[in-house]
Amino acid sequence: MSTKQTDNTPSRNTENPNEQQVFDGSQEEELGNYCDLFSAKSQIDGQDGGIVTTLLLKGLRDSMFDVAIVVQRKNGYNAEVISAETTKQILASKGSIYHRANTTKKLLELLAQGKKRIAVVCTPCEGAIIRKVQQTLSKDIELTIIGLFCFGAFNPQRLKEEVKTHLGVDLDRAAKTHVKQGKFIVTIENREVSCRIEELIKATDRACGSCGEFVSRLADISVGSAGSKNGYSTVILRSEKGTKLVSELDVQMDAVNKLEIIKLAKLKREQAKKNYIKQQ
């Protein structure tokens, strides 16, 4: 699978030793190191083409890892970090829930149990922490990080209140939520309602305001909806491990709007700088 797209976007040498040591390909200011970039959709009915679920199932089947750390929706619109070791458990974690989740804590638990080959699905902030943890581990510990594009997480209770105010629906009863083109979209009772992300600003987790990372540049594979049409996911391959995971993956391919990803990455970085200045 070779679909790398090129343009005249300036590149620079990374100052992050994690990126230098782990990742392949060229580096760009807003996207980080990567060796391939494409849009894809699998046959799994999951979030934006079910790509993350498909990657986890393939990695488990090909024995690239023995357990995956994922976030599963529980008790309405609440999140729980779980360890998935079976196809059934991975399929049960389909879909996105926009809360902060402590995947690092679950990783440490699995390591204490003697697990050695672990996949982690996480946001950029968690991915950065996990890479630091990885530097302290023995070489026989194999971690595969599938990083998610992230513009910020929400406080669960405040999000429910804001969605009720702006959309008039009970988020605990929603069948699905997703973010696309700046909108927070709720599927409930076989219909979709949505509002601009900006309208939910009061529900945003405050810690996210100082994070300028959007594309999970420390992951082996980054996945998100930005840059892809509805029903597809953008996939950024960053390492040999990531390339192996997508090898012979049964997916439909499509073009990526790379400039849309860059625009959002710049916007998040600039907002984080502004928030930092305000705090001084």
C-alpha atoms as a PDB file:
ATOM      1  CA  MET A   1       0.000   0.000   0.000  1.00  0.00           C
ATOM      2  CA  SER A   2       1.723   3.169  -1.142  1.00  0.00           C
ATOM      3  CA  THR A   3      -0.409   6.283  -1.399  1.00  0.00           C
ATOM      4  CA  LYS A   4       1.789   9.041  -0.033  1.00  0.00           C
ATOM      5  CA  GLN A   5       0.771  12.493  -1.182  1.00  0.00           C
ATOM      6  CA  THR A   6       3.281  15.287  -1.564  1.00  0.00           C
ATOM      7  CA  ASP A   7       3.063  19.043  -1.832  1.00  0.00           C
ATOM      8  CA  ASN A   8       5.222  22.091  -1.149  1.00  0.00           C
ATOM      9  CA  THR A   9       4.529  22.269   2.563  1.00  0.00           C
ATOM     10  CA  PRO A  10       7.779  23.247   4.321  1.00  0.00           C
ATOM     11  CA  SER A  11       9.416  20.599   6.492  1.00  0.00           C
ATOM     12  CA  ARG A  12      11.816  20.890   9.399  1.00  0.00           C
ATOM     13  CA  ASN A  13      14.010  18.650  11.511  1.00  0.00           C
ATOM     14  CA  THR A  14      12.295  17.503  14.676  1.00  0.00           C
ATOM     15  CA  GLU A  15      13.549  18.564  18.081  1.00  0.00           C
ATOM     16  CA  ASN A  16      11.691  15.728  19.749  1.00  0.00           C
ATOM     17  CA  PRO A  17      13.972  12.727  20.391  1.00  0.00           C
ATOM     18  CA  ASN A  18      10.962  10.397  20.475  1.00  0.00           C
ATOM     19  CA  GLU A  19      10.170  11.233  16.869  1.00  0.00           C
ATOM     20  CA  GLN A  20      13.812  10.887  15.815  1.00  0.00           C
ATOM     21  CA  GLN A  21      14.156   7.449  17.366  1.00  0.00           C
ATOM     22  CA  VAL A  22      10.811   5.880  16.503  1.00  0.00           C
ATOM     23  CA  PHE A  23       9.460   7.240  13.248  1.00  0.00           C
ATOM     24  CA  ASP A  24      10.096   6.878   9.528  1.00  0.00           C
ATOM     25  CA  GLY A  25       9.638   9.080   6.481  1.00  0.00           C
ATOM     26  CA  SER A  26       9.737  12.813   6.053  1.00  0.00           C
ATOM     27  CA  GLN A  27       8.684  15.396   8.587  1.00  0.00           C
ATOM     28  CA  GLU A  28       6.332  18.325   8.194  1.00  0.00           C
ATOM     29  CA  GLU A  29       5.702  21.227  10.523  1.00  0.00           C
ATOM     30  CA  GLU A  30       2.089  20.357  11.362  1.00  0.00           C
ATOM     31  CA  LEU A  31       1.924  16.622  10.612  1.00  0.00           C
ATOM     32  CA  GLY A  32       5.148  15.346  12.181  1.00  0.00           C
ATOM     33  CA  ASN A  33       7.096  12.391  10.768  1.00  0.00           C
ATOM     34  CA  TYR A  34       5.161  10.158   8.427  1.00  0.00           C
ATOM     35  CA  CYS A  35       5.789   7.740   5.595  1.00  0.00           C
ATOM     36  CA  ASP A  36       2.265   7.440   4.201  1.00  0.00           C
ATOM     37  CA  LEU A  37      -1.012   9.350   4.269  1.00  0.00           C
ATOM     38  CA  PHE A  38      -4.347   8.113   2.921  1.00  0.00           C
ATOM     39  CA  SER A  39      -8.101   7.974   3.469  1.00  0.00           C
ATOM     40  CA  ALA A  40      -9.832   4.646   4.011  1.00  0.00           C
ATOM     41  CA  LYS A  41     -13.062   2.901   4.882  1.00  0.00           C
ATOM     42  CA  SER A  42     -13.456  -0.681   6.052  1.00  0.00           C
ATOM     43  CA  GLN A  43     -16.446  -3.004   5.968  1.00  0.00           C
ATOM     44  CA  ILE A  44     -16.962  -2.562   9.700  1.00  0.00           C
ATOM     45  CA  ASP A  45     -19.786  -0.227  10.652  1.00  0.00           C
ATOM     46  CA  GLY A  46     -17.785   1.865  13.074  1.00  0.00           C
ATOM     47  CA  GLN A  47     -16.669   5.450  13.584  1.00  0.00           C
ATOM     48  CA  ASP A  48     -15.754   7.055  10.237  1.00  0.00           C
ATOM     49  CA  GLY A  49     -15.335   3.794   8.392  1.00  0.00           C
ATOM     50  CA  GLY A  50     -14.377   1.611  11.341  1.00  0.00           C
ATOM     51  CA  ILE A  51     -10.657   1.927  10.644  1.00  0.00           C
ATOM     52  CA  VAL A  52      -9.445   1.812  14.257  1.00  0.00           C
ATOM     53  CA  THR A  53     -11.524  -1.298  14.943  1.00  0.00           C
ATOM     54  CA  THR A  54     -10.247  -2.911  11.753  1.00  0.00           C
ATOM     55  CA  LEU A  55      -6.631  -2.195  12.706  1.00  0.00           C
ATOM     56  CA  LEU A  56      -7.123  -3.693  16.161  1.00  0.00           C
ATOM     57  CA  LEU A  57      -8.753  -6.832  14.789  1.00  0.00           C
ATOM     58  CA  LYS A  58      -5.978  -7.334  12.244  1.00  0.00           C
ATOM     59  CA  GLY A  59      -3.227  -6.756  14.812  1.00  0.00           C
ATOM     60  CA  LEU A  60      -4.805  -9.256  17.178  1.00  0.00           C
ATOM     61  CA  ARG A  61      -5.284 -11.807  14.395  1.00  0.00           C
ATOM     62  CA  ASP A  62      -1.698 -11.385  13.148  1.00  0.00           C
ATOM     63  CA  SER A  63      -0.316 -11.642  16.711  1.00  0.00           C
ATOM     64  CA  MET A  64       1.207  -8.153  16.597  1.00  0.00           C
ATOM     65  CA  PHE A  65      -0.160  -7.686  20.106  1.00  0.00           C
ATOM     66  CA  ASP A  66      -1.998  -9.803  22.656  1.00  0.00           C
ATOM     67  CA  VAL A  67      -4.180  -7.141  24.244  1.00  0.00           C
ATOM     68  CA  ALA A  68      -5.485  -3.693  23.264  1.00  0.00           C
ATOM     69  CA  ILE A  69      -6.297  -0.798  25.562  1.00  0.00           C
ATOM     70  CA  VAL A  70      -9.485   0.885  24.356  1.00  0.00           C
ATOM     71  CA  VAL A  71     -12.171   3.206  25.673  1.00  0.00           C
ATOM     72  CA  GLN A  72     -15.657   1.737  25.817  1.00  0.00           C
ATOM     73  CA  ARG A  73     -18.939   3.509  26.338  1.00  0.00           C
ATOM     74  CA  LYS A  74     -20.634   2.454  29.584  1.00  0.00           C
ATOM     75  CA  ASN A  75     -23.809   3.425  31.467  1.00  0.00           C
ATOM     76  CA  GLY A  76     -25.206   6.039  29.126  1.00  0.00           C
ATOM     77  CA  TYR A  77     -22.623   8.478  27.807  1.00  0.00           C
ATOM     78  CA  ASN A  78     -19.785   7.569  30.146  1.00  0.00           C
ATOM     79  CA  ALA A  79     -16.369   6.169  29.295  1.00  0.00           C
ATOM     80  CA  GLU A  80     -14.403   3.276  30.751  1.00  0.00           C
ATOM     81  CA  VAL A  81     -10.873   2.233  29.815  1.00  0.00           C
ATOM     82  CA  ILE A  82     -10.741  -1.531  29.272  1.00  0.00           C
ATOM     83  CA  SER A  83      -8.274  -4.144  28.067  1.00  0.00           C
ATOM     84  CA  ALA A  84      -9.593  -6.092  25.062  1.00  0.00           C
ATOM     85  CA  GLU A  85      -8.190  -9.523  24.245  1.00  0.00           C
ATOM     86  CA  THR A  86     -10.936 -10.905  22.012  1.00  0.00           C
ATOM     87  CA  THR A  87     -12.706  -9.929  18.813  1.00  0.00           C
ATOM     88  CA  LYS A  88     -15.945  -9.528  20.757  1.00  0.00           C
ATOM     89  CA  GLN A  89     -14.373  -7.081  23.210  1.00  0.00           C
ATOM     90  CA  ILE A  90     -12.840  -4.996  20.424  1.00  0.00           C
ATOM     91  CA  LEU A  91     -16.112  -4.833  18.488  1.00  0.00           C
ATOM     92  CA  ALA A  92     -17.888  -3.731  21.669  1.00  0.00           C
ATOM     93  CA  SER A  93     -15.628  -0.674  21.834  1.00  0.00           C
ATOM     94  CA  LYS A  94     -16.627   0.719  18.420  1.00  0.00           C
ATOM     95  CA  GLY A  95     -17.443   4.410  18.190  1.00  0.00           C
ATOM     96  CA  SER A  96     -16.040   7.541  19.795  1.00  0.00           C
ATOM     97  CA  ILE A  97     -16.760   9.123  23.137  1.00  0.00           C
ATOM     98  CA  TYR A  98     -15.176  12.518  23.630  1.00  0.00           C
ATOM     99  CA  HIS A  99     -13.955  12.300  27.221  1.00  0.00           C
ATOM    100  CA  ARG A 100     -10.456  12.266  28.660  1.00  0.00           C
ATOM    101  CA  ALA A 101      -9.408   8.715  29.454  1.00  0.00           C
ATOM    102  CA  ASN A 102      -6.435   7.540  31.502  1.00  0.00           C
ATOM    103  CA  THR A 103      -5.060   4.866  29.183  1.00  0.00           C
ATOM    104  CA  THR A 104      -1.614   5.162  30.802  1.00  0.00           C
ATOM    105  CA  LYS A 105      -2.992   3.843  34.086  1.00  0.00           C
ATOM    106  CA  LYS A 106      -4.408   0.790  32.321  1.00  0.00           C
ATOM    107  CA  LEU A 107      -1.080   0.266  30.533  1.00  0.00           C
ATOM    108  CA  LEU A 108       0.778   0.219  33.850  1.00  0.00           C
ATOM    109  CA  GLU A 109      -1.723  -2.306  35.196  1.00  0.00           C
ATOM    110  CA  LEU A 110      -1.160  -4.621  32.236  1.00  0.00           C
ATOM    111  CA  LEU A 111       2.605  -4.309  32.500  1.00  0.00           C
ATOM    112  CA  ALA A 112       2.375  -5.237  36.192  1.00  0.00           C
ATOM    113  CA  GLN A 113       0.422  -8.329  35.135  1.00  0.00           C
ATOM    114  CA  GLY A 114       3.289  -9.356  32.865  1.00  0.00           C
ATOM    115  CA  LYS A 115       1.766  -8.386  29.523  1.00  0.00           C
ATOM    116  CA  LYS A 116       4.458  -7.671  26.939  1.00  0.00           C
ATOM    117  CA  ARG A 117       2.733  -6.949  23.616  1.00  0.00           C
ATOM    118  CA  ILE A 118       0.152  -4.226  24.001  1.00  0.00           C
ATOM    119  CA  ALA A 119      -1.729  -1.915  21.640  1.00  0.00           C
ATOM    120  CA  VAL A 120      -3.071   1.389  22.924  1.00  0.00           C
ATOM    121  CA  VAL A 121      -5.726   3.602  21.329  1.00  0.00           C
ATOM    122  CA  CYS A 122      -5.325   7.072  22.775  1.00  0.00           C
ATOM    123  CA  THR A 123      -5.317  10.840  22.321  1.00  0.00           C
ATOM    124  CA  PRO A 124      -2.115  12.852  21.684  1.00  0.00           C
ATOM    125  CA  CYS A 125      -1.566  13.760  25.354  1.00  0.00           C
ATOM    126  CA  GLU A 126      -1.800  10.149  26.482  1.00  0.00           C
ATOM    127  CA  GLY A 127       0.414   9.043  23.596  1.00  0.00           C
ATOM    128  CA  ALA A 128       3.162  11.427  24.713  1.00  0.00           C
ATOM    129  CA  ILE A 129       3.040  10.058  28.270  1.00  0.00           C
ATOM    130  CA  ILE A 130       3.091   6.472  27.039  1.00  0.00           C
ATOM    131  CA  ARG A 131       6.196   7.127  24.923  1.00  0.00           C
ATOM    132  CA  LYS A 132       7.935   8.438  28.051  1.00  0.00           C
ATOM    133  CA  VAL A 133       6.902   5.296  29.916  1.00  0.00           C
ATOM    134  CA  GLN A 134       8.212   3.207  27.022  1.00  0.00           C
ATOM    135  CA  GLN A 135      11.688   4.683  27.451  1.00  0.00           C
ATOM    136  CA  THR A 136      11.859   3.106  30.915  1.00  0.00           C
ATOM    137  CA  LEU A 137      10.787  -0.379  29.788  1.00  0.00           C
ATOM    138  CA  SER A 138      12.874  -3.366  28.770  1.00  0.00           C
ATOM    139  CA  LYS A 139      13.275  -4.074  25.058  1.00  0.00           C
ATOM    140  CA  ASP A 140      11.048  -7.153  25.194  1.00  0.00           C
ATOM    141  CA  ILE A 141       8.014  -4.920  25.824  1.00  0.00           C
ATOM    142  CA  GLU A 142       6.322  -4.107  22.499  1.00  0.00           C
ATOM    143  CA  LEU A 143       3.873  -1.211  22.358  1.00  0.00           C
ATOM    144  CA  THR A 144       1.759  -0.253  19.353  1.00  0.00           C
ATOM    145  CA  ILE A 145       0.113   3.162  19.602  1.00  0.00           C
ATOM    146  CA  ILE A 146      -2.899   4.070  17.479  1.00  0.00           C
ATOM    147  CA  GLY A 147      -3.297   7.794  18.072  1.00  0.00           C
ATOM    148  CA  LEU A 148      -6.497   9.746  17.490  1.00  0.00           C
ATOM    149  CA  PHE A 149      -6.817  13.229  16.058  1.00  0.00           C
ATOM    150  CA  CYS A 150      -7.967  15.384  18.947  1.00  0.00           C
ATOM    151  CA  PHE A 151      -9.129  18.983  19.165  1.00  0.00           C
ATOM    152  CA  GLY A 152      -9.984  18.632  22.848  1.00  0.00           C
ATOM    153  CA  ALA A 153     -12.001  16.492  25.233  1.00  0.00           C
ATOM    154  CA  PHE A 154     -15.134  17.316  27.193  1.00  0.00           C
ATOM    155  CA  ASN A 155     -16.130  17.105  30.831  1.00  0.00           C
ATOM    156  CA  PRO A 156     -18.855  14.408  30.742  1.00  0.00           C
ATOM    157  CA  GLN A 157     -21.426  16.091  32.978  1.00  0.00           C
ATOM    158  CA  ARG A 158     -20.977  19.552  31.471  1.00  0.00           C
ATOM    159  CA  LEU A 159     -21.209  18.104  27.959  1.00  0.00           C
ATOM    160  CA  LYS A 160     -24.522  16.452  28.766  1.00  0.00           C
ATOM    161  CA  GLU A 161     -25.839  19.752  30.118  1.00  0.00           C
ATOM    162  CA  GLU A 162     -24.660  21.764  27.105  1.00  0.00           C
ATOM    163  CA  VAL A 163     -26.031  19.248  24.590  1.00  0.00           C
ATOM    164  CA  LYS A 164     -29.375  19.331  26.388  1.00  0.00           C
ATOM    165  CA  THR A 165     -29.360  23.140  26.215  1.00  0.00           C
ATOM    166  CA  HIS A 166     -28.298  23.494  22.574  1.00  0.00           C
ATOM    167  CA  LEU A 167     -29.818  20.389  20.989  1.00  0.00           C
ATOM    168  CA  GLY A 168     -32.616  19.417  23.370  1.00  0.00           C
ATOM    169  CA  VAL A 169     -31.568  15.765  23.567  1.00  0.00           C
ATOM    170  CA  ASP A 170     -30.406  13.417  26.311  1.00  0.00           C
ATOM    171  CA  LEU A 171     -26.837  12.416  25.479  1.00  0.00           C
ATOM    172  CA  ASP A 172     -27.138   9.260  27.601  1.00  0.00           C
ATOM    173  CA  ARG A 173     -29.722   7.998  25.085  1.00  0.00           C
ATOM    174  CA  ALA A 174     -27.666   8.803  21.983  1.00  0.00           C
ATOM    175  CA  ALA A 175     -26.827   5.934  19.643  1.00  0.00           C
ATOM    176  CA  LYS A 176     -23.679   7.652  18.383  1.00  0.00           C
ATOM    177  CA  THR A 177     -21.709  10.887  18.554  1.00  0.00           C
ATOM    178  CA  HIS A 178     -19.036  12.156  16.209  1.00  0.00           C
ATOM    179  CA  VAL A 179     -17.226  15.328  15.271  1.00  0.00           C
ATOM    180  CA  LYS A 180     -17.007  16.368  11.628  1.00  0.00           C
ATOM    181  CA  GLN A 181     -16.184  19.675   9.935  1.00  0.00           C
ATOM    182  CA  GLY A 182     -16.390  21.625  13.172  1.00  0.00           C
ATOM    183  CA  LYS A 183     -19.724  20.125  14.234  1.00  0.00           C
ATOM    184  CA  PHE A 184     -20.651  17.915  17.169  1.00  0.00           C
ATOM    185  CA  ILE A 185     -23.175  15.461  15.732  1.00  0.00           C
ATOM    186  CA  VAL A 186     -25.517  13.306  17.803  1.00  0.00           C
ATOM    187  CA  THR A 187     -27.433  10.372  16.352  1.00  0.00           C
ATOM    188  CA  ILE A 188     -30.538   9.670  18.413  1.00  0.00           C
ATOM    189  CA  GLU A 189     -33.825   7.932  17.571  1.00  0.00           C
ATOM    190  CA  ASN A 190     -32.715   7.430  13.950  1.00  0.00           C
ATOM    191  CA  ARG A 191     -32.072  11.127  13.349  1.00  0.00           C
ATOM    192  CA  GLU A 192     -29.088  13.447  13.526  1.00  0.00           C
ATOM    193  CA  VAL A 193     -28.882  16.745  15.380  1.00  0.00           C
ATOM    194  CA  SER A 194     -25.798  18.908  15.536  1.00  0.00           C
ATOM    195  CA  CYS A 195     -24.260  22.166  16.689  1.00  0.00           C
ATOM    196  CA  ARG A 196     -20.968  23.939  16.184  1.00  0.00           C
ATOM    197  CA  ILE A 197     -18.172  22.788  18.479  1.00  0.00           C
ATOM    198  CA  GLU A 198     -17.778  26.408  19.590  1.00  0.00           C
ATOM    199  CA  GLU A 199     -21.248  26.263  21.152  1.00  0.00           C
ATOM    200  CA  LEU A 200     -20.021  23.576  23.549  1.00  0.00           C
ATOM    201  CA  ILE A 201     -17.017  25.550  24.755  1.00  0.00           C
ATOM    202  CA  LYS A 202     -18.290  25.568  28.365  1.00  0.00           C
ATOM    203  CA  ALA A 203     -18.077  21.769  28.398  1.00  0.00           C
ATOM    204  CA  THR A 204     -14.447  21.601  27.259  1.00  0.00           C
ATOM    205  CA  ASP A 205     -11.958  20.082  29.656  1.00  0.00           C
ATOM    206  CA  ARG A 206      -9.829  23.036  30.764  1.00  0.00           C
ATOM    207  CA  ALA A 207      -6.562  21.110  30.570  1.00  0.00           C
ATOM    208  CA  CYS A 208      -7.084  20.674  26.825  1.00  0.00           C
ATOM    209  CA  GLY A 209      -6.795  24.415  26.263  1.00  0.00           C
ATOM    210  CA  SER A 210      -3.031  24.322  26.702  1.00  0.00           C
ATOM    211  CA  CYS A 211      -2.452  21.340  24.390  1.00  0.00           C
ATOM    212  CA  GLY A 212      -1.313  22.237  20.885  1.00  0.00           C
ATOM    213  CA  GLU A 213      -1.133  18.701  19.498  1.00  0.00           C
ATOM    214  CA  PHE A 214      -3.817  17.594  17.021  1.00  0.00           C
ATOM    215  CA  VAL A 215      -2.528  14.705  14.884  1.00  0.00           C
ATOM    216  CA  SER A 216      -0.997  12.342  17.478  1.00  0.00           C
ATOM    217  CA  ARG A 217       2.486  12.675  16.032  1.00  0.00           C
ATOM    218  CA  LEU A 218       3.982  10.196  18.538  1.00  0.00           C
ATOM    219  CA  ALA A 219       1.715   7.324  17.466  1.00  0.00           C
ATOM    220  CA  ASP A 220       2.669   4.483  15.134  1.00  0.00           C
ATOM    221  CA  ILE A 221      -0.541   5.226  13.237  1.00  0.00           C
ATOM    222  CA  SER A 222      -2.686   8.350  13.558  1.00  0.00           C
ATOM    223  CA  VAL A 223      -6.390   8.198  12.684  1.00  0.00           C
ATOM    224  CA  GLY A 224      -9.053  10.892  12.439  1.00  0.00           C
ATOM    225  CA  SER A 225     -11.922  12.229  10.373  1.00  0.00           C
ATOM    226  CA  ALA A 226     -10.276  15.517   9.313  1.00  0.00           C
ATOM    227  CA  GLY A 227      -9.265  15.492   5.671  1.00  0.00           C
ATOM    228  CA  SER A 228     -11.603  12.664   4.674  1.00  0.00           C
ATOM    229  CA  LYS A 229     -15.150  12.623   3.361  1.00  0.00           C
ATOM    230  CA  ASN A 230     -18.045  11.307   5.451  1.00  0.00           C
ATOM    231  CA  GLY A 231     -17.718   7.628   6.287  1.00  0.00           C
ATOM    232  CA  TYR A 232     -13.936   7.570   5.793  1.00  0.00           C
ATOM    233  CA  SER A 233     -10.950   8.058   8.093  1.00  0.00           C
ATOM    234  CA  THR A 234      -7.636   9.736   7.449  1.00  0.00           C
ATOM    235  CA  VAL A 235      -4.717   7.438   8.278  1.00  0.00           C
ATOM    236  CA  ILE A 236      -1.147   8.650   8.857  1.00  0.00           C
ATOM    237  CA  LEU A 237       1.546   5.968   8.995  1.00  0.00           C
ATOM    238  CA  ARG A 238       4.596   6.918  11.030  1.00  0.00           C
ATOM    239  CA  SER A 239       6.608   3.773  11.751  1.00  0.00           C
ATOM    240  CA  GLU A 240       7.572   0.363  10.431  1.00  0.00           C
ATOM    241  CA  LYS A 241       5.187  -1.133  12.966  1.00  0.00           C
ATOM    242  CA  GLY A 242       2.350   1.013  11.654  1.00  0.00           C
ATOM    243  CA  THR A 243       3.128   0.067   8.057  1.00  0.00           C
ATOM    244  CA  LYS A 244       3.058  -3.616   8.977  1.00  0.00           C
ATOM    245  CA  LEU A 245      -0.306  -3.203  10.672  1.00  0.00           C
ATOM    246  CA  VAL A 246      -1.967  -1.777   7.537  1.00  0.00           C
ATOM    247  CA  SER A 247      -0.256  -4.223   5.167  1.00  0.00           C
ATOM    248  CA  GLU A 248      -2.876  -6.058   3.088  1.00  0.00           C
ATOM    249  CA  LEU A 249      -5.653  -4.304   4.993  1.00  0.00           C
ATOM    250  CA  ASP A 250      -8.994  -4.808   3.239  1.00  0.00           C
ATOM    251  CA  VAL A 251     -10.241  -1.230   2.863  1.00  0.00           C
ATOM    252  CA  GLN A 252     -11.636   1.170   0.282  1.00  0.00           C
ATOM    253  CA  MET A 253      -9.265   4.035  -0.496  1.00  0.00           C
ATOM    254  CA  ASP A 254     -10.004   7.673  -1.261  1.00  0.00           C
ATOM    255  CA  ALA A 255      -8.204  11.007  -1.573  1.00  0.00           C
ATOM    256  CA  VAL A 256      -7.163  13.043   1.474  1.00  0.00           C
ATOM    257  CA  ASN A 257      -7.594  16.791   1.847  1.00  0.00           C
ATOM    258  CA  LYS A 258      -4.206  17.312   3.443  1.00  0.00           C
ATOM    259  CA  LEU A 259      -4.645  21.071   3.705  1.00  0.00           C
ATOM    260  CA  GLU A 260      -7.702  20.616   5.940  1.00  0.00           C
ATOM    261  CA  ILE A 261      -5.628  18.590   8.408  1.00  0.00           C
ATOM    262  CA  ILE A 262      -2.834  21.162   8.366  1.00  0.00           C
ATOM    263  CA  LYS A 263      -5.329  23.982   8.913  1.00  0.00           C
ATOM    264  CA  LEU A 264      -6.817  22.328  11.989  1.00  0.00           C
ATOM    265  CA  ALA A 265      -3.402  21.393  13.361  1.00  0.00           C
ATOM    266  CA  LYS A 266      -2.263  25.019  13.038  1.00  0.00           C
ATOM    267  CA  LEU A 267      -5.469  26.283  14.609  1.00  0.00           C
ATOM    268  CA  LYS A 268      -5.115  24.065  17.670  1.00  0.00           C
ATOM    269  CA  ARG A 269      -1.459  25.001  18.115  1.00  0.00           C
ATOM    270  CA  GLU A 270      -2.235  28.718  17.834  1.00  0.00           C
ATOM    271  CA  GLN A 271      -5.121  28.463  20.299  1.00  0.00           C
ATOM    272  CA  ALA A 272      -2.868  26.692  22.794  1.00  0.00           C
ATOM    273  CA  LYS A 273      -0.298  29.500  22.501  1.00  0.00           C
ATOM    274  CA  LYS A 274      -2.978  32.128  23.109  1.00  0.00           C
ATOM    275  CA  ASN A 275      -4.268  30.262  26.156  1.00  0.00           C
ATOM    276  CA  TYR A 276      -0.750  29.936  27.513  1.00  0.00           C
ATOM    277  CA  ILE A 277      -0.164  33.687  27.151  1.00  0.00           C
ATOM    278  CA  LYS A 278      -3.445  34.437  28.923  1.00  0.00           C
ATOM    279  CA  GLN A 279      -2.369  32.289  31.863  1.00  0.00           C
ATOM    280  CA  GLN A 280       0.897  34.198  32.363  1.00  0.00           C
END
